[in-house]
Amino acid sequence: MQLAVAPEVTEPAPSDARYVCACLRITERELLSTLSSANIRTLRDLRRTIGAGDGCTACHRTLQRYLDAG
């Protein structure tokens, strides 16, 4: 008889290691820094400035939420 093993619990990654754009490895910290220092209003602005959202586009909704919050 085998005993069940509980799944490993991990802490959430700190914001400097959490990717908001996995394809281009753009972290939340990089995104927030860019949003606070540059005149970024659209996804196109983000793509031109730091490249976020320029890969598979799966992060576009997430990036848009950051833009809307700013």
PDB file of N, CA and C in Angstrom:
ATOM      1  N   MET A   1       0.841  -1.177   0.000  1.00  0.00           N
ATOM      2  CA  MET A   1       0.000   0.000   0.000  1.00  0.00           C
ATOM      3  C   MET A   1       0.885   1.239   0.000  1.00  0.00           C
ATOM      4  N   GLN A   2       0.658   2.128  -0.956  1.00  0.00           N
ATOM      5  CA  GLN A   2       1.438   3.362  -1.040  1.00  0.00           C
ATOM      6  C   GLN A   2       0.718   4.494  -0.333  1.00  0.00           C
ATOM      7  N   LEU A   3       1.500   5.315   0.337  1.00  0.00           N
ATOM      8  CA  LEU A   3       0.941   6.487   0.987  1.00  0.00           C
ATOM      9  C   LEU A   3       0.855   7.630  -0.005  1.00  0.00           C
ATOM     10  N   ALA A   4      -0.194   8.414   0.110  1.00  0.00           N
ATOM     11  CA  ALA A   4      -0.332   9.589  -0.746  1.00  0.00           C
ATOM     12  C   ALA A   4       0.655  10.653  -0.287  1.00  0.00           C
ATOM     13  N   VAL A   5       1.239  11.329  -1.216  1.00  0.00           N
ATOM     14  CA  VAL A   5       2.187  12.393  -0.908  1.00  0.00           C
ATOM     15  C   VAL A   5       1.528  13.721  -1.242  1.00  0.00           C
ATOM     16  N   ALA A   6       1.562  14.630  -0.281  1.00  0.00           N
ATOM     17  CA  ALA A   6       0.964  15.954  -0.491  1.00  0.00           C
ATOM     18  C   ALA A   6       1.768  16.714  -1.537  1.00  0.00           C
ATOM     19  N   PRO A   7       1.096  17.482  -2.369  1.00  0.00           N
ATOM     20  CA  PRO A   7       1.829  18.272  -3.362  1.00  0.00           C
ATOM     21  C   PRO A   7       2.683  19.323  -2.670  1.00  0.00           C
ATOM     22  N   GLU A   8       3.789  19.638  -3.301  1.00  0.00           N
ATOM     23  CA  GLU A   8       4.686  20.638  -2.751  1.00  0.00           C
ATOM     24  C   GLU A   8       4.032  22.011  -2.828  1.00  0.00           C
ATOM     25  N   VAL A   9       4.079  22.741  -1.731  1.00  0.00           N
ATOM     26  CA  VAL A   9       3.518  24.086  -1.692  1.00  0.00           C
ATOM     27  C   VAL A   9       4.664  25.067  -1.866  1.00  0.00           C
ATOM     28  N   THR A  10       4.484  25.976  -2.801  1.00  0.00           N
ATOM     29  CA  THR A  10       5.525  26.972  -3.031  1.00  0.00           C
ATOM     30  C   THR A  10       4.964  28.366  -2.787  1.00  0.00           C
ATOM     31  N   GLU A  11       5.828  29.245  -2.360  1.00  0.00           N
ATOM     32  CA  GLU A  11       5.455  30.635  -2.155  1.00  0.00           C
ATOM     33  C   GLU A  11       5.343  31.320  -3.512  1.00  0.00           C
ATOM     34  N   PRO A  12       4.466  32.326  -3.611  1.00  0.00           N
ATOM     35  CA  PRO A  12       4.419  33.067  -4.868  1.00  0.00           C
ATOM     36  C   PRO A  12       5.742  33.792  -5.107  1.00  0.00           C
ATOM     37  N   ALA A  13       6.091  33.933  -6.354  1.00  0.00           N
ATOM     38  CA  ALA A  13       7.339  34.617  -6.691  1.00  0.00           C
ATOM     39  C   ALA A  13       7.228  36.095  -6.359  1.00  0.00           C
ATOM     40  N   PRO A  14       8.320  36.693  -5.905  1.00  0.00           N
ATOM     41  CA  PRO A  14       8.286  38.137  -5.683  1.00  0.00           C
ATOM     42  C   PRO A  14       8.072  38.856  -7.010  1.00  0.00           C
ATOM     43  N   SER A  15       7.577  40.088  -6.945  1.00  0.00           N
ATOM     44  CA  SER A  15       7.210  40.795  -8.170  1.00  0.00           C
ATOM     45  C   SER A  15       8.386  40.993  -9.112  1.00  0.00           C
ATOM     46  N   ASP A  16       9.630  40.988  -8.605  1.00  0.00           N
ATOM     47  CA  ASP A  16      10.760  41.176  -9.500  1.00  0.00           C
ATOM     48  C   ASP A  16      11.093  39.909 -10.280  1.00  0.00           C
ATOM     49  N   ALA A  17      10.491  38.778  -9.918  1.00  0.00           N
ATOM     50  CA  ALA A  17      10.757  37.529 -10.620  1.00  0.00           C
ATOM     51  C   ALA A  17       9.514  37.002 -11.339  1.00  0.00           C
ATOM     52  N   ARG A  18       8.390  37.657 -11.164  1.00  0.00           N
ATOM     53  CA  ARG A  18       7.151  37.212 -11.798  1.00  0.00           C
ATOM     54  C   ARG A  18       7.066  37.810 -13.203  1.00  0.00           C
ATOM     55  N   TYR A  19       6.960  36.962 -14.177  1.00  0.00           N
ATOM     56  CA  TYR A  19       6.902  37.431 -15.551  1.00  0.00           C
ATOM     57  C   TYR A  19       5.483  37.834 -15.927  1.00  0.00           C
ATOM     58  N   VAL A  20       5.354  39.013 -16.507  1.00  0.00           N
ATOM     59  CA  VAL A  20       4.075  39.431 -17.067  1.00  0.00           C
ATOM     60  C   VAL A  20       4.062  39.143 -18.560  1.00  0.00           C
ATOM     61  N   CYS A  21       5.243  38.949 -19.131  1.00  0.00           N
ATOM     62  CA  CYS A  21       5.401  38.529 -20.529  1.00  0.00           C
ATOM     63  C   CYS A  21       6.466  37.436 -20.522  1.00  0.00           C
ATOM     64  N   ALA A  22       6.001  36.207 -20.517  1.00  0.00           N
ATOM     65  CA  ALA A  22       6.914  35.072 -20.403  1.00  0.00           C
ATOM     66  C   ALA A  22       7.806  34.905 -21.634  1.00  0.00           C
ATOM     67  N   CYS A  23       7.278  35.159 -22.803  1.00  0.00           N
ATOM     68  CA  CYS A  23       8.065  34.976 -24.033  1.00  0.00           C
ATOM     69  C   CYS A  23       9.338  35.815 -24.014  1.00  0.00           C
ATOM     70  N   LEU A  24       9.200  37.049 -23.596  1.00  0.00           N
ATOM     71  CA  LEU A  24      10.341  37.962 -23.619  1.00  0.00           C
ATOM     72  C   LEU A  24      10.912  38.201 -22.230  1.00  0.00           C
ATOM     73  N   ARG A  25      10.420  37.446 -21.257  1.00  0.00           N
ATOM     74  CA  ARG A  25      10.936  37.477 -19.893  1.00  0.00           C
ATOM     75  C   ARG A  25      10.911  38.888 -19.298  1.00  0.00           C
ATOM     76  N   ILE A  26       9.772  39.558 -19.455  1.00  0.00           N
ATOM     77  CA  ILE A  26       9.576  40.889 -18.885  1.00  0.00           C
ATOM     78  C   ILE A  26       8.900  40.694 -17.531  1.00  0.00           C
ATOM     79  N   THR A  27       9.542  41.193 -16.477  1.00  0.00           N
ATOM     80  CA  THR A  27       9.010  41.020 -15.133  1.00  0.00           C
ATOM     81  C   THR A  27       8.033  42.137 -14.786  1.00  0.00           C
ATOM     82  N   GLU A  28       7.261  41.885 -13.748  1.00  0.00           N
ATOM     83  CA  GLU A  28       6.327  42.891 -13.266  1.00  0.00           C
ATOM     84  C   GLU A  28       7.087  44.153 -12.852  1.00  0.00           C
ATOM     85  N   ARG A  29       8.222  43.979 -12.203  1.00  0.00           N
ATOM     86  CA  ARG A  29       9.021  45.138 -11.774  1.00  0.00           C
ATOM     87  C   ARG A  29       9.470  45.967 -12.980  1.00  0.00           C
ATOM     88  N   GLU A  30       9.922  45.304 -14.046  1.00  0.00           N
ATOM     89  CA  GLU A  30      10.332  46.029 -15.256  1.00  0.00           C
ATOM     90  C   GLU A  30       9.153  46.778 -15.870  1.00  0.00           C
ATOM     91  N   LEU A  31       8.009  46.113 -15.910  1.00  0.00           N
ATOM     92  CA  LEU A  31       6.816  46.723 -16.479  1.00  0.00           C
ATOM     93  C   LEU A  31       6.414  47.954 -15.683  1.00  0.00           C
ATOM     94  N   LEU A  32       6.331  47.817 -14.359  1.00  0.00           N
ATOM     95  CA  LEU A  32       5.920  48.945 -13.525  1.00  0.00           C
ATOM     96  C   LEU A  32       6.902  50.101 -13.614  1.00  0.00           C
ATOM     97  N   SER A  33       8.178  49.788 -13.686  1.00  0.00           N
ATOM     98  CA  SER A  33       9.194  50.829 -13.834  1.00  0.00           C
ATOM     99  C   SER A  33       9.009  51.573 -15.152  1.00  0.00           C
ATOM    100  N   THR A  34       8.758  50.836 -16.210  1.00  0.00           N
ATOM    101  CA  THR A  34       8.551  51.443 -17.524  1.00  0.00           C
ATOM    102  C   THR A  34       7.294  52.299 -17.534  1.00  0.00           C
ATOM    103  N   LEU A  35       6.221  51.785 -16.937  1.00  0.00           N
ATOM    104  CA  LEU A  35       4.967  52.529 -16.910  1.00  0.00           C
ATOM    105  C   LEU A  35       5.096  53.820 -16.108  1.00  0.00           C
ATOM    106  N   SER A  36       5.941  53.813 -15.081  1.00  0.00           N
ATOM    107  CA  SER A  36       6.077  55.015 -14.256  1.00  0.00           C
ATOM    108  C   SER A  36       7.049  56.032 -14.847  1.00  0.00           C
ATOM    109  N   SER A  37       7.920  55.599 -15.733  1.00  0.00           N
ATOM    110  CA  SER A  37       8.941  56.516 -16.236  1.00  0.00           C
ATOM    111  C   SER A  37       8.755  56.940 -17.690  1.00  0.00           C
ATOM    112  N   ALA A  38       7.920  56.271 -18.410  1.00  0.00           N
ATOM    113  CA  ALA A  38       7.737  56.585 -19.832  1.00  0.00           C
ATOM    114  C   ALA A  38       6.273  56.917 -20.108  1.00  0.00           C
ATOM    115  N   ASN A  39       6.044  57.592 -21.193  1.00  0.00           N
ATOM    116  CA  ASN A  39       4.688  57.957 -21.596  1.00  0.00           C
ATOM    117  C   ASN A  39       4.072  56.793 -22.374  1.00  0.00           C
ATOM    118  N   ILE A  40       3.638  55.779 -21.640  1.00  0.00           N
ATOM    119  CA  ILE A  40       3.088  54.552 -22.222  1.00  0.00           C
ATOM    120  C   ILE A  40       1.574  54.579 -22.045  1.00  0.00           C
ATOM    121  N   ARG A  41       0.846  54.483 -23.160  1.00  0.00           N
ATOM    122  CA  ARG A  41      -0.621  54.505 -23.084  1.00  0.00           C
ATOM    123  C   ARG A  41      -1.273  53.284 -23.723  1.00  0.00           C
ATOM    124  N   THR A  42      -0.550  52.595 -24.595  1.00  0.00           N
ATOM    125  CA  THR A  42      -1.143  51.492 -25.346  1.00  0.00           C
ATOM    126  C   THR A  42      -0.225  50.273 -25.335  1.00  0.00           C
ATOM    127  N   LEU A  43      -0.798  49.143 -25.733  1.00  0.00           N
ATOM    128  CA  LEU A  43       0.021  47.931 -25.898  1.00  0.00           C
ATOM    129  C   LEU A  43       1.117  48.160 -26.933  1.00  0.00           C
ATOM    130  N   ARG A  44       0.801  48.891 -27.959  1.00  0.00           N
ATOM    131  CA  ARG A  44       1.794  49.182 -28.991  1.00  0.00           C
ATOM    132  C   ARG A  44       2.978  49.955 -28.395  1.00  0.00           C
ATOM    133  N   ASP A  45       2.676  50.920 -27.495  1.00  0.00           N
ATOM    134  CA  ASP A  45       3.744  51.663 -26.811  1.00  0.00           C
ATOM    135  C   ASP A  45       4.627  50.717 -26.006  1.00  0.00           C
ATOM    136  N   LEU A  46       3.994  49.773 -25.299  1.00  0.00           N
ATOM    137  CA  LEU A  46       4.759  48.806 -24.502  1.00  0.00           C
ATOM    138  C   LEU A  46       5.641  47.941 -25.400  1.00  0.00           C
ATOM    139  N   ARG A  47       5.080  47.493 -26.493  1.00  0.00           N
ATOM    140  CA  ARG A  47       5.836  46.638 -27.417  1.00  0.00           C
ATOM    141  C   ARG A  47       7.048  47.372 -27.963  1.00  0.00           C
ATOM    142  N   ARG A  48       6.874  48.631 -28.288  1.00  0.00           N
ATOM    143  CA  ARG A  48       7.986  49.428 -28.830  1.00  0.00           C
ATOM    144  C   ARG A  48       9.034  49.733 -27.761  1.00  0.00           C
ATOM    145  N   THR A  49       8.599  49.974 -26.532  1.00  0.00           N
ATOM    146  CA  THR A  49       9.502  50.427 -25.483  1.00  0.00           C
ATOM    147  C   THR A  49      10.304  49.300 -24.854  1.00  0.00           C
ATOM    148  N   ILE A  50       9.611  48.239 -24.378  1.00  0.00           N
ATOM    149  CA  ILE A  50      10.339  47.146 -23.711  1.00  0.00           C
ATOM    150  C   ILE A  50      10.110  45.785 -24.360  1.00  0.00           C
ATOM    151  N   GLY A  51       9.264  45.738 -25.373  1.00  0.00           N
ATOM    152  CA  GLY A  51       9.038  44.485 -26.073  1.00  0.00           C
ATOM    153  C   GLY A  51       7.930  43.626 -25.484  1.00  0.00           C
ATOM    154  N   ALA A  52       7.411  44.008 -24.327  1.00  0.00           N
ATOM    155  CA  ALA A  52       6.357  43.204 -23.693  1.00  0.00           C
ATOM    156  C   ALA A  52       5.173  43.057 -24.635  1.00  0.00           C
ATOM    157  N   GLY A  53       4.695  41.830 -24.797  1.00  0.00           N
ATOM    158  CA  GLY A  53       3.542  41.555 -25.642  1.00  0.00           C
ATOM    159  C   GLY A  53       3.879  41.338 -27.100  1.00  0.00           C
ATOM    160  N   ASP A  54       5.149  41.314 -27.424  1.00  0.00           N
ATOM    161  CA  ASP A  54       5.552  41.198 -28.817  1.00  0.00           C
ATOM    162  C   ASP A  54       5.807  39.762 -29.258  1.00  0.00           C
ATOM    163  N   GLY A  55       5.597  38.796 -28.354  1.00  0.00           N
ATOM    164  CA  GLY A  55       5.820  37.389 -28.691  1.00  0.00           C
ATOM    165  C   GLY A  55       4.517  36.724 -29.092  1.00  0.00           C
ATOM    166  N   CYS A  56       4.057  35.817 -28.270  1.00  0.00           N
ATOM    167  CA  CYS A  56       2.867  35.022 -28.592  1.00  0.00           C
ATOM    168  C   CYS A  56       1.562  35.775 -28.374  1.00  0.00           C
ATOM    169  N   THR A  57       1.585  36.888 -27.722  1.00  0.00           N
ATOM    170  CA  THR A  57       0.451  37.777 -27.403  1.00  0.00           C
ATOM    171  C   THR A  57      -0.454  37.258 -26.283  1.00  0.00           C
ATOM    172  N   ALA A  58      -0.112  36.178 -25.639  1.00  0.00           N
ATOM    173  CA  ALA A  58      -0.943  35.642 -24.556  1.00  0.00           C
ATOM    174  C   ALA A  58      -1.042  36.592 -23.371  1.00  0.00           C
ATOM    175  N   CYS A  59      -0.105  37.497 -23.229  1.00  0.00           N
ATOM    176  CA  CYS A  59      -0.081  38.409 -22.083  1.00  0.00           C
ATOM    177  C   CYS A  59      -0.841  39.709 -22.337  1.00  0.00           C
ATOM    178  N   HIS A  60      -1.403  39.891 -23.490  1.00  0.00           N
ATOM    179  CA  HIS A  60      -2.035  41.164 -23.824  1.00  0.00           C
ATOM    180  C   HIS A  60      -3.115  41.579 -22.834  1.00  0.00           C
ATOM    181  N   ARG A  61      -3.932  40.666 -22.381  1.00  0.00           N
ATOM    182  CA  ARG A  61      -4.976  41.020 -21.398  1.00  0.00           C
ATOM    183  C   ARG A  61      -4.356  41.486 -20.090  1.00  0.00           C
ATOM    184  N   THR A  62      -3.329  40.791 -19.642  1.00  0.00           N
ATOM    185  CA  THR A  62      -2.646  41.169 -18.407  1.00  0.00           C
ATOM    186  C   THR A  62      -2.012  42.546 -18.564  1.00  0.00           C
ATOM    187  N   LEU A  63      -1.314  42.758 -19.650  1.00  0.00           N
ATOM    188  CA  LEU A  63      -0.677  44.053 -19.888  1.00  0.00           C
ATOM    189  C   LEU A  63      -1.715  45.165 -19.964  1.00  0.00           C
ATOM    190  N   GLN A  64      -2.842  44.885 -20.586  1.00  0.00           N
ATOM    191  CA  GLN A  64      -3.903  45.888 -20.695  1.00  0.00           C
ATOM    192  C   GLN A  64      -4.448  46.265 -19.323  1.00  0.00           C
ATOM    193  N   ARG A  65      -4.534  45.297 -18.418  1.00  0.00           N
ATOM    194  CA  ARG A  65      -4.994  45.607 -17.052  1.00  0.00           C
ATOM    195  C   ARG A  65      -4.031  46.563 -16.357  1.00  0.00           C
ATOM    196  N   TYR A  66      -2.735  46.376 -16.557  1.00  0.00           N
ATOM    197  CA  TYR A  66      -1.757  47.304 -15.988  1.00  0.00           C
ATOM    198  C   TYR A  66      -1.920  48.699 -16.596  1.00  0.00           C
ATOM    199  N   LEU A  67      -2.154  48.751 -17.896  1.00  0.00           N
ATOM    200  CA  LEU A  67      -2.351  50.033 -18.562  1.00  0.00           C
ATOM    201  C   LEU A  67      -3.620  50.727 -18.066  1.00  0.00           C
ATOM    202  N   ASP A  68      -4.683  49.967 -17.907  1.00  0.00           N
ATOM    203  CA  ASP A  68      -5.954  50.529 -17.444  1.00  0.00           C
ATOM    204  C   ASP A  68      -5.869  51.040 -16.011  1.00  0.00           C
ATOM    205  N   ALA A  69      -5.059  50.377 -15.195  1.00  0.00           N
ATOM    206  CA  ALA A  69      -4.908  50.750 -13.784  1.00  0.00           C
ATOM    207  C   ALA A  69      -4.086  52.031 -13.618  1.00  0.00           C
ATOM    208  N   GLY A  70      -3.259  52.338 -14.605  1.00  0.00           N
ATOM    209  CA  GLY A  70      -2.357  53.480 -14.516  1.00  0.00           C
ATOM    210  C   GLY A  70      -3.027  54.727 -14.871  1.00  0.00           C
TER     211      GLY A  70
END
